[in-house]
Protein backbone atom coordinates (compact mmCIF):
# COMPACT_ATOMS: atom_id res chain seq x y z
CA UNK A 1 150.08 103.68 119.44
CA UNK A 2 147.96 105.94 117.25
CA UNK A 3 146.86 102.95 115.16
CA UNK A 4 145.77 101.07 118.29
CA UNK A 5 143.78 104.10 119.50
CA UNK A 6 142.08 104.45 116.09
CA UNK A 7 141.26 100.73 116.05
CA UNK A 8 139.69 100.95 119.53
CA UNK A 9 137.64 104.01 118.52
CA UNK A 10 136.46 102.26 115.36
CA UNK A 11 135.33 99.22 117.38
CA UNK A 12 133.34 101.49 119.73
CA UNK A 13 131.66 103.29 116.81
CA UNK A 14 130.68 100.04 115.10
CA UNK A 15 129.36 98.49 118.30
CA UNK A 16 127.32 101.63 119.09
CA UNK A 17 125.62 101.46 115.67
CA UNK A 18 124.71 97.78 115.88
CA UNK A 19 121.48 96.62 117.51
CA UNK A 20 121.61 94.21 120.43
CA UNK A 21 118.10 92.82 119.79
CA UNK A 22 116.75 91.34 116.56
CA UNK A 23 114.30 93.50 114.59
CA UNK A 24 110.61 92.72 115.07
CA UNK A 25 108.70 91.87 111.89
CA UNK A 26 105.15 93.20 111.67
CA UNK A 27 102.38 91.21 109.97
CA UNK A 28 98.93 92.09 108.73
CA UNK A 29 96.06 90.11 107.28
CA UNK A 30 95.77 90.41 103.51
CA UNK A 31 92.51 89.23 101.96
CA UNK A 32 92.37 88.58 98.25
CA UNK A 33 89.17 88.53 96.20
CA UNK A 34 86.83 85.97 97.72
CA UNK A 35 85.25 83.16 95.76
CA UNK A 36 81.61 83.70 96.63
CA UNK A 37 78.24 83.81 94.90
CA UNK A 38 78.31 86.67 92.41
CA UNK A 39 74.52 87.06 92.26
CA UNK A 40 73.67 87.88 95.87
CA UNK A 41 70.04 88.85 96.43
CA UNK A 42 70.89 90.25 99.83
CA UNK A 43 69.10 92.98 101.77
CA UNK A 44 69.41 95.60 99.07
CA UNK A 45 66.91 97.90 100.80
CA UNK A 46 68.61 97.72 104.23
CA UNK A 47 71.60 99.58 105.63
CA UNK A 48 74.08 97.80 107.89
CA UNK A 49 76.48 98.90 110.60
CA UNK A 50 79.26 96.48 111.60
CA UNK A 51 80.18 96.69 115.29
CA UNK A 52 83.78 96.41 116.46
CA UNK A 53 84.42 92.72 117.07
CA UNK A 54 84.19 91.31 120.58
CA UNK A 55 87.17 89.17 121.58
CA UNK A 56 89.48 88.19 124.40
CA UNK A 57 92.01 90.82 125.47
CA UNK A 58 94.84 88.82 123.86
CA UNK A 59 93.30 89.45 120.41
CA UNK A 60 93.21 93.19 121.10
CA UNK A 61 96.98 93.26 121.48
CA UNK A 62 99.74 93.59 118.87
CA UNK A 63 101.53 90.61 120.43
CA UNK A 64 101.41 87.56 118.18
CA UNK A 65 100.67 84.52 120.28
CA UNK A 66 100.64 80.77 119.69
CA UNK A 67 99.60 77.68 121.66
CA UNK A 68 102.02 74.86 122.39
CA UNK A 69 100.86 71.36 123.31
CA UNK A 70 97.22 72.44 123.53
CA UNK A 71 97.49 74.49 126.73
CA UNK A 72 100.58 76.71 126.97
CA UNK A 73 100.36 80.17 125.38
CA UNK A 74 103.53 81.94 124.25
CA UNK A 75 104.33 85.11 122.29
CA UNK A 76 106.63 85.30 119.26
CA UNK A 77 109.67 87.37 120.22
CA UNK A 78 110.50 88.63 116.71
CA UNK A 79 106.99 89.01 115.24
CA UNK A 80 103.94 91.10 116.02
CA UNK A 81 100.72 92.35 114.37
CA UNK A 82 100.65 95.76 112.67
CA UNK A 83 97.01 96.02 113.87
CA UNK A 84 95.38 93.83 116.48
CA UNK A 85 93.50 90.76 115.15
CA UNK A 86 90.33 92.28 116.61
CA UNK A 87 90.70 95.41 114.44
CA UNK A 88 91.83 93.45 111.38
CA UNK A 89 88.88 91.04 111.45
CA UNK A 90 86.42 93.93 111.92
CA UNK A 91 87.84 95.86 108.97
CA UNK A 92 87.97 92.75 106.74
CA UNK A 93 84.29 92.02 107.45
CA UNK A 94 83.35 95.60 106.49
CA UNK A 95 85.48 95.38 103.35
CA UNK A 96 83.97 92.14 102.01
CA UNK A 97 80.41 93.25 102.82
CA UNK A 98 80.92 96.46 100.87
CA UNK A 99 82.42 94.58 97.93
CA UNK A 100 79.58 92.03 97.92
CA UNK A 101 76.91 94.79 97.81
CA UNK A 102 74.79 92.56 100.04
CA UNK A 103 73.26 95.63 101.71
CA UNK A 104 72.22 99.08 100.51
CA UNK A 105 75.27 100.41 102.32
CA UNK A 106 77.67 99.07 104.96
CA UNK A 107 79.31 101.28 107.59
CA UNK A 108 81.86 100.58 110.28
CA UNK A 109 81.32 101.11 114.00
CA UNK A 110 82.76 104.65 113.95
CA UNK A 111 80.15 105.93 111.51
CA UNK A 112 77.59 108.39 112.91
CA UNK A 113 74.99 107.26 110.42
CA UNK A 114 71.94 105.29 111.56
CA UNK A 115 71.34 101.86 110.09
CA UNK A 116 68.50 99.38 109.76
CA UNK A 117 70.61 96.44 110.90
CA UNK A 118 73.63 95.86 113.13
CA UNK A 119 76.12 93.03 112.70
CA UNK A 120 77.88 91.95 115.88
CA UNK A 121 81.07 89.88 115.53
CA UNK A 122 82.46 87.67 118.27
CA UNK A 123 85.92 86.16 117.72
CA UNK A 124 85.97 82.91 119.68
CA UNK A 125 89.36 81.70 118.42
CA UNK A 126 92.08 83.10 116.15
CA UNK A 127 95.28 81.22 116.97
CA UNK A 128 98.15 79.08 115.72
CA UNK A 129 98.54 75.72 117.49
CA UNK A 130 101.85 73.79 117.62
CA UNK A 131 102.33 70.10 118.38
CA UNK A 132 104.35 69.17 121.47
CA UNK A 133 107.64 68.78 119.56
CA UNK A 134 106.97 71.90 117.43
CA UNK A 135 107.31 70.09 114.10
CA UNK A 136 103.68 70.65 113.03
CA UNK A 137 101.09 73.37 113.49
CA UNK A 138 97.67 74.46 112.33
CA UNK A 139 95.44 77.49 112.83
CA UNK A 140 91.92 77.52 114.17
CA UNK A 141 89.49 80.38 113.54
CA UNK A 142 86.01 80.52 115.04
CA UNK A 143 83.82 83.60 114.61
CA UNK A 144 80.15 84.25 115.39
CA UNK A 145 77.93 86.67 113.45
CA UNK A 146 74.77 88.07 115.05
CA UNK A 147 72.42 90.17 112.91
CA UNK A 148 70.25 92.57 114.93
CA UNK A 149 67.33 94.85 114.05
CA UNK A 150 68.55 98.27 115.24
CA UNK A 151 65.02 99.60 115.96
CA UNK A 152 63.73 96.69 118.04
CA UNK A 153 67.10 95.22 119.19
CA UNK A 154 65.68 91.84 118.15
CA UNK A 155 68.16 89.17 117.08
CA UNK A 156 67.37 88.17 113.50
CA UNK A 157 70.00 85.44 113.15
CA UNK A 158 73.10 84.08 114.90
CA UNK A 159 75.63 81.75 113.29
CA UNK A 160 79.07 80.48 114.26
CA UNK A 161 81.60 79.70 111.55
CA UNK A 162 84.74 77.58 111.94
CA UNK A 163 87.79 76.96 109.78
CA UNK A 164 91.09 75.09 110.23
CA UNK A 165 94.19 75.34 108.05
CA UNK A 166 97.45 73.41 108.18
CA UNK A 167 100.53 75.63 108.46
CA UNK A 168 103.18 75.00 105.79
CA UNK A 169 106.17 76.73 107.41
CA UNK A 170 106.41 76.35 111.18
CA UNK A 171 106.87 80.02 112.06
CA UNK A 172 104.94 83.28 112.44
CA UNK A 173 104.87 83.91 108.67
CA UNK A 174 103.36 80.48 107.99
CA UNK A 175 100.80 81.07 110.74
CA UNK A 176 99.70 84.41 109.27
CA UNK A 177 99.23 82.88 105.80
CA UNK A 178 97.13 80.07 107.27
CA UNK A 179 95.07 82.54 109.33
CA UNK A 180 94.45 84.52 106.12
CA UNK A 181 93.16 81.39 104.38
CA UNK A 182 90.98 80.36 107.34
CA UNK A 183 89.51 83.85 107.65
CA UNK A 184 88.72 83.88 103.91
CA UNK A 185 86.80 80.62 104.38
CA UNK A 186 84.83 82.10 107.27
CA UNK A 187 84.05 85.31 105.37
CA UNK A 188 82.61 83.28 102.50
CA UNK A 189 80.51 81.26 104.97
CA UNK A 190 79.34 84.49 106.60
CA UNK A 191 78.37 86.15 103.31
CA UNK A 192 76.41 83.09 102.19
CA UNK A 193 74.66 82.91 105.56
CA UNK A 194 73.67 86.61 105.52
CA UNK A 195 72.43 86.21 101.96
CA UNK A 196 70.17 83.34 103.11
CA UNK A 197 68.81 85.41 106.00
CA UNK A 198 67.91 88.22 103.61
CA UNK A 199 65.86 85.99 101.30
């Protein structure tokens, strides 16, 4: 009788310690060194402030979404972003601009400093797309850069950059890796475009 009671208590203890839902894995974008022109002329005499990216509300959320069959949007149940794509893209743009030394200095949107130029970012698309039978997927990233004179509010240049990447593993992890690669492509395009504007 005592053994049965101990066995029942042990089962209750073990079941209380176990989780009923699977753990959620968090993902972040991780940019490596970009392959871009090393001898940027740039706007070395101009300061730049990068505004927080504009995007749809879904890209301001930690929920990791994907599109099925071109129209239906779902969320991964066991994966989410550690920071929203909106925040991640904004911070990655600031990071690569600082590393490129394209401008005299580059500040993020929270900086109190005044700048000569403002860079507005608009994220049009940042999503993983699955085929109807979920055996293939790709990512599509589309981002617009608008360079503005902060004194006159005049638009100096606007460009939209696009990149697609095939996803190797058909899951959230594969999607994040492909989004990383597509964003790297767009950042290189953006740096080259800003360099041309500054000439």
